[in-house]
Amino acid sequence: MKVDADFIRKWIDALRSGNYKQIQRALKRRGVIDGVVRYCCLGVACEIAGKRSTPFDFDGTYRFGSDDLNISSRFQKQIGLTDDDIDKLVFMNDSEYKSFKQIAAWLRRRFKKELAA
């Protein structure tokens, strides 16, 4: 599987930028009370790739394509993520509550060889 190193770089930069607020268990959600839009790490990937999001539920959850919890397998392959990568990213974001900066550091380590090319 070919890794899209340019996209991974943009994704790492976006996660480190501080421009995205973090949330768990949804790709994207707008706060019902405060109106703030928050993303999981995979939601940030969808956003910077220009994937269209649509409101999905009364709780402010959005979908990218047909899913509100994960990215499409087509997009996953397009950027070069394995199923294990997805599992690790979801676990870090949703279960370990790793910050976007910590997740960006993991991406940098995981794709070190591809990013150096």
PDB file of N, CA and C in Angstrom:
ATOM      1  N   MET A   1       0.857  -1.191   0.000  1.00  0.00           N
ATOM      2  CA  MET A   1       0.000   0.000   0.000  1.00  0.00           C
ATOM      3  C   MET A   1       0.893   1.242   0.000  1.00  0.00           C
ATOM      4  N   LYS A   2       0.600   2.153  -0.899  1.00  0.00           N
ATOM      5  CA  LYS A   2       1.377   3.395  -1.000  1.00  0.00           C
ATOM      6  C   LYS A   2       0.847   4.440  -0.023  1.00  0.00           C
ATOM      7  N   VAL A   3       1.759   5.029   0.714  1.00  0.00           N
ATOM      8  CA  VAL A   3       1.417   6.075   1.673  1.00  0.00           C
ATOM      9  C   VAL A   3       1.499   7.432   0.982  1.00  0.00           C
ATOM     10  N   ASP A   4       0.479   8.255   1.175  1.00  0.00           N
ATOM     11  CA  ASP A   4       0.480   9.614   0.641  1.00  0.00           C
ATOM     12  C   ASP A   4       1.206  10.509   1.645  1.00  0.00           C
ATOM     13  N   ALA A   5       2.518  10.583   1.498  1.00  0.00           N
ATOM     14  CA  ALA A   5       3.352  11.306   2.455  1.00  0.00           C
ATOM     15  C   ALA A   5       2.983  12.788   2.528  1.00  0.00           C
ATOM     16  N   ASP A   6       2.632  13.392   1.410  1.00  0.00           N
ATOM     17  CA  ASP A   6       2.243  14.810   1.433  1.00  0.00           C
ATOM     18  C   ASP A   6       1.001  15.010   2.299  1.00  0.00           C
ATOM     19  N   PHE A   7       0.037  14.101   2.156  1.00  0.00           N
ATOM     20  CA  PHE A   7      -1.165  14.217   2.978  1.00  0.00           C
ATOM     21  C   PHE A   7      -0.844  13.981   4.450  1.00  0.00           C
ATOM     22  N   ILE A   8      -0.018  12.983   4.742  1.00  0.00           N
ATOM     23  CA  ILE A   8       0.349  12.699   6.145  1.00  0.00           C
ATOM     24  C   ILE A   8       1.015  13.926   6.754  1.00  0.00           C
ATOM     25  N   ARG A   9       1.879  14.605   6.011  1.00  0.00           N
ATOM     26  CA  ARG A   9       2.519  15.832   6.509  1.00  0.00           C
ATOM     27  C   ARG A   9       1.472  16.905   6.843  1.00  0.00           C
ATOM     28  N   LYS A  10       0.522  17.110   5.917  1.00  0.00           N
ATOM     29  CA  LYS A  10      -0.538  18.104   6.146  1.00  0.00           C
ATOM     30  C   LYS A  10      -1.370  17.734   7.370  1.00  0.00           C
ATOM     31  N   TRP A  11      -1.649  16.457   7.517  1.00  0.00           N
ATOM     32  CA  TRP A  11      -2.433  15.971   8.650  1.00  0.00           C
ATOM     33  C   TRP A  11      -1.694  16.210   9.970  1.00  0.00           C
ATOM     34  N   ILE A  12      -0.418  15.880   9.994  1.00  0.00           N
ATOM     35  CA  ILE A  12       0.399  16.122  11.186  1.00  0.00           C
ATOM     36  C   ILE A  12       0.396  17.610  11.515  1.00  0.00           C
ATOM     37  N   ASP A  13       0.604  18.445  10.513  1.00  0.00           N
ATOM     38  CA  ASP A  13       0.598  19.903  10.729  1.00  0.00           C
ATOM     39  C   ASP A  13      -0.744  20.378  11.277  1.00  0.00           C
ATOM     40  N   ALA A  14      -1.841  19.849  10.724  1.00  0.00           N
ATOM     41  CA  ALA A  14      -3.177  20.243  11.189  1.00  0.00           C
ATOM     42  C   ALA A  14      -3.392  19.824  12.642  1.00  0.00           C
ATOM     43  N   LEU A  15      -2.974  18.607  12.994  1.00  0.00           N
ATOM     44  CA  LEU A  15      -3.138  18.138  14.371  1.00  0.00           C
ATOM     45  C   LEU A  15      -2.319  18.982  15.340  1.00  0.00           C
ATOM     46  N   ARG A  16      -1.170  19.437  14.906  1.00  0.00           N
ATOM     47  CA  ARG A  16      -0.286  20.235  15.775  1.00  0.00           C
ATOM     48  C   ARG A  16      -0.664  21.718  15.811  1.00  0.00           C
ATOM     49  N   SER A  17      -1.512  22.152  14.889  1.00  0.00           N
ATOM     50  CA  SER A  17      -1.795  23.580  14.706  1.00  0.00           C
ATOM     51  C   SER A  17      -2.562  24.242  15.844  1.00  0.00           C
ATOM     52  N   GLY A  18      -3.340  23.473  16.575  1.00  0.00           N
ATOM     53  CA  GLY A  18      -4.201  24.074  17.595  1.00  0.00           C
ATOM     54  C   GLY A  18      -5.502  24.624  17.024  1.00  0.00           C
ATOM     55  N   ASN A  19      -5.724  24.463  15.727  1.00  0.00           N
ATOM     56  CA  ASN A  19      -6.930  24.981  15.082  1.00  0.00           C
ATOM     57  C   ASN A  19      -8.135  24.053  15.213  1.00  0.00           C
ATOM     58  N   TYR A  20      -7.923  22.850  15.709  1.00  0.00           N
ATOM     59  CA  TYR A  20      -9.000  21.871  15.825  1.00  0.00           C
ATOM     60  C   TYR A  20      -9.184  21.470  17.288  1.00  0.00           C
ATOM     61  N   LYS A  21     -10.415  21.515  17.740  1.00  0.00           N
ATOM     62  CA  LYS A  21     -10.764  21.052  19.082  1.00  0.00           C
ATOM     63  C   LYS A  21     -11.027  19.555  18.997  1.00  0.00           C
ATOM     64  N   GLN A  22     -10.685  18.835  20.060  1.00  0.00           N
ATOM     65  CA  GLN A  22     -10.763  17.379  20.041  1.00  0.00           C
ATOM     66  C   GLN A  22     -12.029  16.852  20.705  1.00  0.00           C
ATOM     67  N   ILE A  23     -12.506  15.723  20.181  1.00  0.00           N
ATOM     68  CA  ILE A  23     -13.662  15.018  20.742  1.00  0.00           C
ATOM     69  C   ILE A  23     -13.411  13.519  20.594  1.00  0.00           C
ATOM     70  N   GLN A  24     -14.131  12.736  21.347  1.00  0.00           N
ATOM     71  CA  GLN A  24     -14.043  11.285  21.251  1.00  0.00           C
ATOM     72  C   GLN A  24     -15.360  10.731  20.699  1.00  0.00           C
ATOM     73  N   ARG A  25     -15.249   9.553  20.088  1.00  0.00           N
ATOM     74  CA  ARG A  25     -16.393   8.756  19.631  1.00  0.00           C
ATOM     75  C   ARG A  25     -17.263   9.412  18.558  1.00  0.00           C
ATOM     76  N   ALA A  26     -16.680  10.274  17.774  1.00  0.00           N
ATOM     77  CA  ALA A  26     -17.347  10.853  16.606  1.00  0.00           C
ATOM     78  C   ALA A  26     -16.262  11.478  15.739  1.00  0.00           C
ATOM     79  N   LEU A  27     -16.446  11.436  14.429  1.00  0.00           N
ATOM     80  CA  LEU A  27     -15.496  12.101  13.546  1.00  0.00           C
ATOM     81  C   LEU A  27     -15.578  13.614  13.711  1.00  0.00           C
ATOM     82  N   LYS A  28     -16.810  14.115  13.831  1.00  0.00           N
ATOM     83  CA  LYS A  28     -17.029  15.553  13.942  1.00  0.00           C
ATOM     84  C   LYS A  28     -18.338  15.777  14.690  1.00  0.00           C
ATOM     85  N   ARG A  29     -18.324  16.746  15.594  1.00  0.00           N
ATOM     86  CA  ARG A  29     -19.553  17.053  16.334  1.00  0.00           C
ATOM     87  C   ARG A  29     -19.546  18.535  16.709  1.00  0.00           C
ATOM     88  N   ARG A  30     -20.700  19.155  16.532  1.00  0.00           N
ATOM     89  CA  ARG A  30     -20.886  20.536  16.969  1.00  0.00           C
ATOM     90  C   ARG A  30     -21.577  20.492  18.321  1.00  0.00           C
ATOM     91  N   GLY A  31     -20.992  21.178  19.299  1.00  0.00           N
ATOM     92  CA  GLY A  31     -21.568  21.214  20.632  1.00  0.00           C
ATOM     93  C   GLY A  31     -22.966  21.815  20.605  1.00  0.00           C
ATOM     94  N   VAL A  32     -23.921  21.127  21.200  1.00  0.00           N
ATOM     95  CA  VAL A  32     -25.306  21.584  21.212  1.00  0.00           C
ATOM     96  C   VAL A  32     -25.436  22.886  22.001  1.00  0.00           C
ATOM     97  N   ILE A  33     -24.709  22.995  23.089  1.00  0.00           N
ATOM     98  CA  ILE A  33     -24.806  24.188  23.940  1.00  0.00           C
ATOM     99  C   ILE A  33     -23.850  25.286  23.490  1.00  0.00           C
ATOM    100  N   ASP A  34     -22.571  24.929  23.283  1.00  0.00           N
ATOM    101  CA  ASP A  34     -21.581  25.971  22.971  1.00  0.00           C
ATOM    102  C   ASP A  34     -21.365  26.206  21.476  1.00  0.00           C
ATOM    103  N   GLY A  35     -21.850  25.314  20.615  1.00  0.00           N
ATOM    104  CA  GLY A  35     -21.715  25.492  19.175  1.00  0.00           C
ATOM    105  C   GLY A  35     -20.323  25.258  18.624  1.00  0.00           C
ATOM    106  N   VAL A  36     -19.385  24.828  19.465  1.00  0.00           N
ATOM    107  CA  VAL A  36     -18.006  24.609  19.028  1.00  0.00           C
ATOM    108  C   VAL A  36     -17.916  23.283  18.274  1.00  0.00           C
ATOM    109  N   VAL A  37     -17.267  23.315  17.128  1.00  0.00           N
ATOM    110  CA  VAL A  37     -17.067  22.103  16.335  1.00  0.00           C
ATOM    111  C   VAL A  37     -15.796  21.414  16.819  1.00  0.00           C
ATOM    112  N   ARG A  38     -15.935  20.114  17.079  1.00  0.00           N
ATOM    113  CA  ARG A  38     -14.815  19.312  17.561  1.00  0.00           C
ATOM    114  C   ARG A  38     -14.650  18.093  16.652  1.00  0.00           C
ATOM    115  N   TYR A  39     -13.430  17.559  16.628  1.00  0.00           N
ATOM    116  CA  TYR A  39     -13.089  16.445  15.749  1.00  0.00           C
ATOM    117  C   TYR A  39     -12.306  15.386  16.513  1.00  0.00           C
ATOM    118  N   CYS A  40     -12.381  14.149  16.023  1.00  0.00           N
ATOM    119  CA  CYS A  40     -11.392  13.158  16.422  1.00  0.00           C
ATOM    120  C   CYS A  40     -10.245  13.284  15.425  1.00  0.00           C
ATOM    121  N   CYS A  41      -9.154  12.583  15.654  1.00  0.00           N
ATOM    122  CA  CYS A  41      -7.992  12.713  14.767  1.00  0.00           C
ATOM    123  C   CYS A  41      -8.331  12.309  13.331  1.00  0.00           C
ATOM    124  N   LEU A  42      -9.194  11.311  13.156  1.00  0.00           N
ATOM    125  CA  LEU A  42      -9.586  10.905  11.808  1.00  0.00           C
ATOM    126  C   LEU A  42     -10.529  11.919  11.165  1.00  0.00           C
ATOM    127  N   GLY A  43     -11.318  12.595  11.983  1.00  0.00           N
ATOM    128  CA  GLY A  43     -12.172  13.666  11.479  1.00  0.00           C
ATOM    129  C   GLY A  43     -11.354  14.830  10.944  1.00  0.00           C
ATOM    130  N   VAL A  44     -10.232  15.115  11.597  1.00  0.00           N
ATOM    131  CA  VAL A  44      -9.328  16.159  11.094  1.00  0.00           C
ATOM    132  C   VAL A  44      -8.808  15.752   9.718  1.00  0.00           C
ATOM    133  N   ALA A  45      -8.466  14.478   9.549  1.00  0.00           N
ATOM    134  CA  ALA A  45      -7.998  13.996   8.239  1.00  0.00           C
ATOM    135  C   ALA A  45      -9.070  14.213   7.176  1.00  0.00           C
ATOM    136  N   CYS A  46     -10.306  13.887   7.509  1.00  0.00           N
ATOM    137  CA  CYS A  46     -11.410  14.101   6.557  1.00  0.00           C
ATOM    138  C   CYS A  46     -11.567  15.579   6.218  1.00  0.00           C
ATOM    139  N   GLU A  47     -11.494  16.401   7.217  1.00  0.00           N
ATOM    140  CA  GLU A  47     -11.691  17.844   7.038  1.00  0.00           C
ATOM    141  C   GLU A  47     -10.627  18.431   6.117  1.00  0.00           C
ATOM    142  N   ILE A  48      -9.361  18.118   6.371  1.00  0.00           N
ATOM    143  CA  ILE A  48      -8.299  18.718   5.549  1.00  0.00           C
ATOM    144  C   ILE A  48      -8.256  18.117   4.148  1.00  0.00           C
ATOM    145  N   ALA A  49      -8.844  16.928   3.984  1.00  0.00           N
ATOM    146  CA  ALA A  49      -8.934  16.327   2.650  1.00  0.00           C
ATOM    147  C   ALA A  49     -10.099  16.911   1.855  1.00  0.00           C
ATOM    148  N   GLY A  50     -10.909  17.758   2.511  1.00  0.00           N
ATOM    149  CA  GLY A  50     -12.037  18.375   1.823  1.00  0.00           C
ATOM    150  C   GLY A  50     -13.244  17.462   1.695  1.00  0.00           C
ATOM    151  N   LYS A  51     -13.301  16.429   2.541  1.00  0.00           N
ATOM    152  CA  LYS A  51     -14.463  15.529   2.510  1.00  0.00           C
ATOM    153  C   LYS A  51     -15.690  16.286   3.013  1.00  0.00           C
ATOM    154  N   ARG A  52     -16.795  16.100   2.335  1.00  0.00           N
ATOM    155  CA  ARG A  52     -18.031  16.786   2.710  1.00  0.00           C
ATOM    156  C   ARG A  52     -18.645  16.138   3.951  1.00  0.00           C
ATOM    157  N   SER A  53     -19.001  16.968   4.913  1.00  0.00           N
ATOM    158  CA  SER A  53     -19.663  16.454   6.108  1.00  0.00           C
ATOM    159  C   SER A  53     -21.106  16.943   6.124  1.00  0.00           C
ATOM    160  N   THR A  54     -21.984  16.097   6.650  1.00  0.00           N
ATOM    161  CA  THR A  54     -23.399  16.446   6.736  1.00  0.00           C
ATOM    162  C   THR A  54     -23.905  16.172   8.139  1.00  0.00           C
ATOM    163  N   PRO A  55     -24.788  17.042   8.652  1.00  0.00           N
ATOM    164  CA  PRO A  55     -25.365  16.788   9.976  1.00  0.00           C
ATOM    165  C   PRO A  55     -26.089  15.443   9.980  1.00  0.00           C
ATOM    166  N   PHE A  56     -25.940  14.719  11.092  1.00  0.00           N
ATOM    167  CA  PHE A  56     -26.463  13.361  11.143  1.00  0.00           C
ATOM    168  C   PHE A  56     -27.449  13.135  12.288  1.00  0.00           C
ATOM    169  N   ASP A  57     -27.218  13.746  13.421  1.00  0.00           N
ATOM    170  CA  ASP A  57     -28.005  13.406  14.595  1.00  0.00           C
ATOM    171  C   ASP A  57     -28.311  14.665  15.407  1.00  0.00           C
ATOM    172  N   PHE A  58     -29.294  14.555  16.280  1.00  0.00           N
ATOM    173  CA  PHE A  58     -29.699  15.684  17.120  1.00  0.00           C
ATOM    174  C   PHE A  58     -28.602  16.141  18.068  1.00  0.00           C
ATOM    175  N   ASP A  59     -27.614  15.300  18.331  1.00  0.00           N
ATOM    176  CA  ASP A  59     -26.554  15.656  19.279  1.00  0.00           C
ATOM    177  C   ASP A  59     -25.426  16.449  18.627  1.00  0.00           C
ATOM    178  N   GLY A  60     -25.592  16.844  17.374  1.00  0.00           N
ATOM    179  CA  GLY A  60     -24.581  17.641  16.686  1.00  0.00           C
ATOM    180  C   GLY A  60     -23.567  16.833  15.910  1.00  0.00           C
ATOM    181  N   THR A  61     -23.734  15.514  15.856  1.00  0.00           N
ATOM    182  CA  THR A  61     -22.805  14.655  15.127  1.00  0.00           C
ATOM    183  C   THR A  61     -22.958  14.847  13.620  1.00  0.00           C
ATOM    184  N   TYR A  62     -21.816  14.832  12.947  1.00  0.00           N
ATOM    185  CA  TYR A  62     -21.768  14.922  11.486  1.00  0.00           C
ATOM    186  C   TYR A  62     -21.234  13.618  10.922  1.00  0.00           C
ATOM    187  N   ARG A  63     -21.560  13.366   9.676  1.00  0.00           N
ATOM    188  CA  ARG A  63     -21.016  12.238   8.934  1.00  0.00           C
ATOM    189  C   ARG A  63     -20.126  12.753   7.812  1.00  0.00           C
ATOM    190  N   PHE A  64     -19.078  11.997   7.540  1.00  0.00           N
ATOM    191  CA  PHE A  64     -18.293  12.171   6.317  1.00  0.00           C
ATOM    192  C   PHE A  64     -18.643  10.960   5.473  1.00  0.00           C
ATOM    193  N   GLY A  65     -19.397  11.143   4.407  1.00  0.00           N
ATOM    194  CA  GLY A  65     -19.890  10.013   3.640  1.00  0.00           C
ATOM    195  C   GLY A  65     -21.007   9.340   4.409  1.00  0.00           C
ATOM    196  N   SER A  66     -20.890   8.047   4.616  1.00  0.00           N
ATOM    197  CA  SER A  66     -21.964   7.305   5.283  1.00  0.00           C
ATOM    198  C   SER A  66     -21.637   6.933   6.724  1.00  0.00           C
ATOM    199  N   ASP A  67     -20.525   7.413   7.253  1.00  0.00           N
ATOM    200  CA  ASP A  67     -20.123   6.991   8.589  1.00  0.00           C
ATOM    201  C   ASP A  67     -19.817   8.184   9.478  1.00  0.00           C
ATOM    202  N   ASP A  68     -20.212   8.081  10.742  1.00  0.00           N
ATOM    203  CA  ASP A  68     -19.916   9.140  11.703  1.00  0.00           C
ATOM    204  C   ASP A  68     -18.822   8.726  12.683  1.00  0.00           C
ATOM    205  N   LEU A  69     -18.373   7.471  12.625  1.00  0.00           N
ATOM    206  CA  LEU A  69     -17.377   6.984  13.576  1.00  0.00           C
ATOM    207  C   LEU A  69     -16.027   6.655  12.963  1.00  0.00           C
ATOM    208  N   ASN A  70     -15.975   6.426  11.664  1.00  0.00           N
ATOM    209  CA  ASN A  70     -14.723   6.036  11.041  1.00  0.00           C
ATOM    210  C   ASN A  70     -14.667   6.564   9.615  1.00  0.00           C
ATOM    211  N   ILE A  71     -13.471   6.562   9.044  1.00  0.00           N
ATOM    212  CA  ILE A  71     -13.319   7.007   7.666  1.00  0.00           C
ATOM    213  C   ILE A  71     -13.641   5.853   6.714  1.00  0.00           C
ATOM    214  N   SER A  72     -13.931   6.170   5.486  1.00  0.00           N
ATOM    215  CA  SER A  72     -14.253   5.132   4.505  1.00  0.00           C
ATOM    216  C   SER A  72     -13.004   4.312   4.190  1.00  0.00           C
ATOM    217  N   SER A  73     -13.212   3.063   3.821  1.00  0.00           N
ATOM    218  CA  SER A  73     -12.073   2.210   3.463  1.00  0.00           C
ATOM    219  C   SER A  73     -11.364   2.763   2.222  1.00  0.00           C
ATOM    220  N   ARG A  74     -12.119   3.398   1.342  1.00  0.00           N
ATOM    221  CA  ARG A  74     -11.518   3.994   0.143  1.00  0.00           C
ATOM    222  C   ARG A  74     -10.549   5.125   0.521  1.00  0.00           C
ATOM    223  N   PHE A  75     -10.992   6.014   1.411  1.00  0.00           N
ATOM    224  CA  PHE A  75     -10.125   7.114   1.861  1.00  0.00           C
ATOM    225  C   PHE A  75      -8.934   6.556   2.642  1.00  0.00           C
ATOM    226  N   GLN A  76      -9.169   5.553   3.458  1.00  0.00           N
ATOM    227  CA  GLN A  76      -8.096   4.907   4.220  1.00  0.00           C
ATOM    228  C   GLN A  76      -6.997   4.418   3.285  1.00  0.00           C
ATOM    229  N   LYS A  77      -7.391   3.737   2.221  1.00  0.00           N
ATOM    230  CA  LYS A  77      -6.414   3.221   1.251  1.00  0.00           C
ATOM    231  C   LYS A  77      -5.748   4.357   0.486  1.00  0.00           C
ATOM    232  N   GLN A  78      -6.518   5.381   0.177  1.00  0.00           N
ATOM    233  CA  GLN A  78      -6.006   6.525  -0.583  1.00  0.00           C
ATOM    234  C   GLN A  78      -4.842   7.191   0.155  1.00  0.00           C
ATOM    235  N   ILE A  79      -4.922   7.286   1.465  1.00  0.00           N
ATOM    236  CA  ILE A  79      -3.841   7.946   2.214  1.00  0.00           C
ATOM    237  C   ILE A  79      -2.806   6.957   2.741  1.00  0.00           C
ATOM    238  N   GLY A  80      -3.102   5.658   2.630  1.00  0.00           N
ATOM    239  CA  GLY A  80      -2.101   4.652   2.966  1.00  0.00           C
ATOM    240  C   GLY A  80      -2.127   4.149   4.396  1.00  0.00           C
ATOM    241  N   LEU A  81      -3.293   4.162   5.026  1.00  0.00           N
ATOM    242  CA  LEU A  81      -3.409   3.649   6.394  1.00  0.00           C
ATOM    243  C   LEU A  81      -3.856   2.192   6.374  1.00  0.00           C
ATOM    244  N   THR A  82      -3.237   1.373   7.210  1.00  0.00           N
ATOM    245  CA  THR A  82      -3.655  -0.017   7.366  1.00  0.00           C
ATOM    246  C   THR A  82      -4.801  -0.078   8.376  1.00  0.00           C
ATOM    247  N   ASP A  83      -5.445  -1.234   8.452  1.00  0.00           N
ATOM    248  CA  ASP A  83      -6.477  -1.432   9.481  1.00  0.00           C
ATOM    249  C   ASP A  83      -5.877  -1.280  10.876  1.00  0.00           C
ATOM    250  N   ASP A  84      -4.650  -1.773  11.063  1.00  0.00           N
ATOM    251  CA  ASP A  84      -3.979  -1.626  12.362  1.00  0.00           C
ATOM    252  C   ASP A  84      -3.735  -0.157  12.694  1.00  0.00           C
ATOM    253  N   ASP A  85      -3.378   0.640  11.685  1.00  0.00           N
ATOM    254  CA  ASP A  85      -3.198   2.081  11.906  1.00  0.00           C
ATOM    255  C   ASP A  85      -4.503   2.712  12.395  1.00  0.00           C
ATOM    256  N   ILE A  86      -5.604   2.380  11.726  1.00  0.00           N
ATOM    257  CA  ILE A  86      -6.911   2.930  12.107  1.00  0.00           C
ATOM    258  C   ILE A  86      -7.247   2.535  13.540  1.00  0.00           C
ATOM    259  N   ASP A  87      -7.067   1.244  13.857  1.00  0.00           N
ATOM    260  CA  ASP A  87      -7.356   0.770  15.215  1.00  0.00           C
ATOM    261  C   ASP A  87      -6.531   1.531  16.247  1.00  0.00           C
ATOM    262  N   LYS A  88      -5.257   1.736  15.960  1.00  0.00           N
ATOM    263  CA  LYS A  88      -4.362   2.442  16.886  1.00  0.00           C
ATOM    264  C   LYS A  88      -4.799   3.899  17.050  1.00  0.00           C
ATOM    265  N   LEU A  89      -5.125   4.562  15.954  1.00  0.00           N
ATOM    266  CA  LEU A  89      -5.543   5.964  16.013  1.00  0.00           C
ATOM    267  C   LEU A  89      -6.841   6.130  16.800  1.00  0.00           C
ATOM    268  N   VAL A  90      -7.800   5.240  16.554  1.00  0.00           N
ATOM    269  CA  VAL A  90      -9.061   5.296  17.293  1.00  0.00           C
ATOM    270  C   VAL A  90      -8.815   5.051  18.777  1.00  0.00           C
ATOM    271  N   PHE A  91      -7.974   4.069  19.093  1.00  0.00           N
ATOM    272  CA  PHE A  91      -7.679   3.752  20.489  1.00  0.00           C
ATOM    273  C   PHE A  91      -6.998   4.940  21.184  1.00  0.00           C
ATOM    274  N   MET A  92      -6.014   5.543  20.518  1.00  0.00           N
ATOM    275  CA  MET A  92      -5.324   6.689  21.117  1.00  0.00           C
ATOM    276  C   MET A  92      -6.284   7.844  21.354  1.00  0.00           C
ATOM    277  N   ASN A  93      -7.128   8.139  20.378  1.00  0.00           N
ATOM    278  CA  ASN A  93      -8.041   9.279  20.481  1.00  0.00           C
ATOM    279  C   ASN A  93      -9.176   9.016  21.470  1.00  0.00           C
ATOM    280  N   ASP A  94      -9.815   7.847  21.362  1.00  0.00           N
ATOM    281  CA  ASP A  94     -11.055   7.598  22.104  1.00  0.00           C
ATOM    282  C   ASP A  94     -10.874   6.915  23.456  1.00  0.00           C
ATOM    283  N   SER A  95      -9.850   6.104  23.611  1.00  0.00           N
ATOM    284  CA  SER A  95      -9.683   5.346  24.851  1.00  0.00           C
ATOM    285  C   SER A  95      -8.551   5.867  25.729  1.00  0.00           C
ATOM    286  N   GLU A  96      -7.455   6.237  25.098  1.00  0.00           N
ATOM    287  CA  GLU A  96      -6.313   6.746  25.867  1.00  0.00           C
ATOM    288  C   GLU A  96      -6.352   8.265  26.034  1.00  0.00           C
ATOM    289  N   TYR A  97      -7.276   8.929  25.331  1.00  0.00           N
ATOM    290  CA  TYR A  97      -7.412  10.388  25.393  1.00  0.00           C
ATOM    291  C   TYR A  97      -6.091  11.103  25.095  1.00  0.00           C
ATOM    292  N   LYS A  98      -5.356  10.574  24.120  1.00  0.00           N
ATOM    293  CA  LYS A  98      -4.114  11.235  23.699  1.00  0.00           C
ATOM    294  C   LYS A  98      -4.471  12.550  23.016  1.00  0.00           C
ATOM    295  N   SER A  99      -3.636  13.554  23.220  1.00  0.00           N
ATOM    296  CA  SER A  99      -3.863  14.851  22.582  1.00  0.00           C
ATOM    297  C   SER A  99      -3.530  14.751  21.096  1.00  0.00           C
ATOM    298  N   PHE A 100      -4.005  15.735  20.335  1.00  0.00           N
ATOM    299  CA  PHE A 100      -3.672  15.763  18.914  1.00  0.00           C
ATOM    300  C   PHE A 100      -2.159  15.836  18.715  1.00  0.00           C
ATOM    301  N   LYS A 101      -1.451  16.558  19.564  1.00  0.00           N
ATOM    302  CA  LYS A 101       0.008  16.647  19.423  1.00  0.00           C
ATOM    303  C   LYS A 101       0.662  15.288  19.655  1.00  0.00           C
ATOM    304  N   GLN A 102       0.146  14.511  20.606  1.00  0.00           N
ATOM    305  CA  GLN A 102       0.680  13.170  20.845  1.00  0.00           C
ATOM    306  C   GLN A 102       0.369  12.246  19.665  1.00  0.00           C
ATOM    307  N   ILE A 103      -0.809  12.373  19.110  1.00  0.00           N
ATOM    308  CA  ILE A 103      -1.181  11.557  17.945  1.00  0.00           C
ATOM    309  C   ILE A 103      -0.331  11.950  16.739  1.00  0.00           C
ATOM    310  N   ALA A 104      -0.078  13.238  16.567  1.00  0.00           N
ATOM    311  CA  ALA A 104       0.790  13.705  15.471  1.00  0.00           C
ATOM    312  C   ALA A 104       2.196  13.128  15.626  1.00  0.00           C
ATOM    313  N   ALA A 105       2.700  13.070  16.850  1.00  0.00           N
ATOM    314  CA  ALA A 105       4.027  12.499  17.095  1.00  0.00           C
ATOM    315  C   ALA A 105       4.050  11.014  16.731  1.00  0.00           C
ATOM    316  N   TRP A 106       2.966  10.298  17.041  1.00  0.00           N
ATOM    317  CA  TRP A 106       2.887   8.883  16.673  1.00  0.00           C
ATOM    318  C   TRP A 106       2.880   8.737  15.148  1.00  0.00           C
ATOM    319  N   LEU A 107       2.104   9.563  14.459  1.00  0.00           N
ATOM    320  CA  LEU A 107       2.076   9.517  12.995  1.00  0.00           C
ATOM    321  C   LEU A 107       3.460   9.771  12.415  1.00  0.00           C
ATOM    322  N   ARG A 108       4.169  10.727  12.987  1.00  0.00           N
ATOM    323  CA  ARG A 108       5.525  11.038  12.508  1.00  0.00           C
ATOM    324  C   ARG A 108       6.450   9.832  12.692  1.00  0.00           C
ATOM    325  N   ARG A 109       6.343   9.155  13.837  1.00  0.00           N
ATOM    326  CA  ARG A 109       7.165   7.958  14.069  1.00  0.00           C
ATOM    327  C   ARG A 109       6.731   6.818  13.145  1.00  0.00           C
ATOM    328  N   ARG A 110       5.444   6.618  13.022  1.00  0.00           N
ATOM    329  CA  ARG A 110       4.899   5.508  12.228  1.00  0.00           C
ATOM    330  C   ARG A 110       5.296   5.624  10.756  1.00  0.00           C
ATOM    331  N   PHE A 111       5.319   6.842  10.231  1.00  0.00           N
ATOM    332  CA  PHE A 111       5.600   7.060   8.810  1.00  0.00           C
ATOM    333  C   PHE A 111       6.963   7.744   8.602  1.00  0.00           C
ATOM    334  N   LYS A 112       7.877   7.522   9.516  1.00  0.00           N
ATOM    335  CA  LYS A 112       9.190   8.163   9.467  1.00  0.00           C
ATOM    336  C   LYS A 112       9.883   7.953   8.125  1.00  0.00           C
ATOM    337  N   LYS A 113       9.901   6.721   7.665  1.00  0.00           N
ATOM    338  CA  LYS A 113      10.602   6.398   6.400  1.00  0.00           C
ATOM    339  C   LYS A 113       9.921   7.094   5.219  1.00  0.00           C
ATOM    340  N   GLU A 114       8.597   7.032   5.163  1.00  0.00           N
ATOM    341  CA  GLU A 114       7.860   7.650   4.047  1.00  0.00           C
ATOM    342  C   GLU A 114       7.987   9.170   4.055  1.00  0.00           C
ATOM    343  N   LEU A 115       8.005   9.768   5.244  1.00  0.00           N
ATOM    344  CA  LEU A 115       8.106  11.226   5.347  1.00  0.00           C
ATOM    345  C   LEU A 115       9.506  11.730   5.015  1.00  0.00           C
ATOM    346  N   ALA A 116      10.517  10.878   5.160  1.00  0.00           N
ATOM    347  CA  ALA A 116      11.900  11.264   4.868  1.00  0.00           C
ATOM    348  C   ALA A 116      12.192  11.248   3.363  1.00  0.00           C
ATOM    349  N   ALA A 117      11.385  10.511   2.630  1.00  0.00           N
ATOM    350  CA  ALA A 117      11.640  10.360   1.178  1.00  0.00           C
ATOM    351  C   ALA A 117      11.333  11.628   0.414  1.00  0.00           C
TER     352      ALA A 117
END
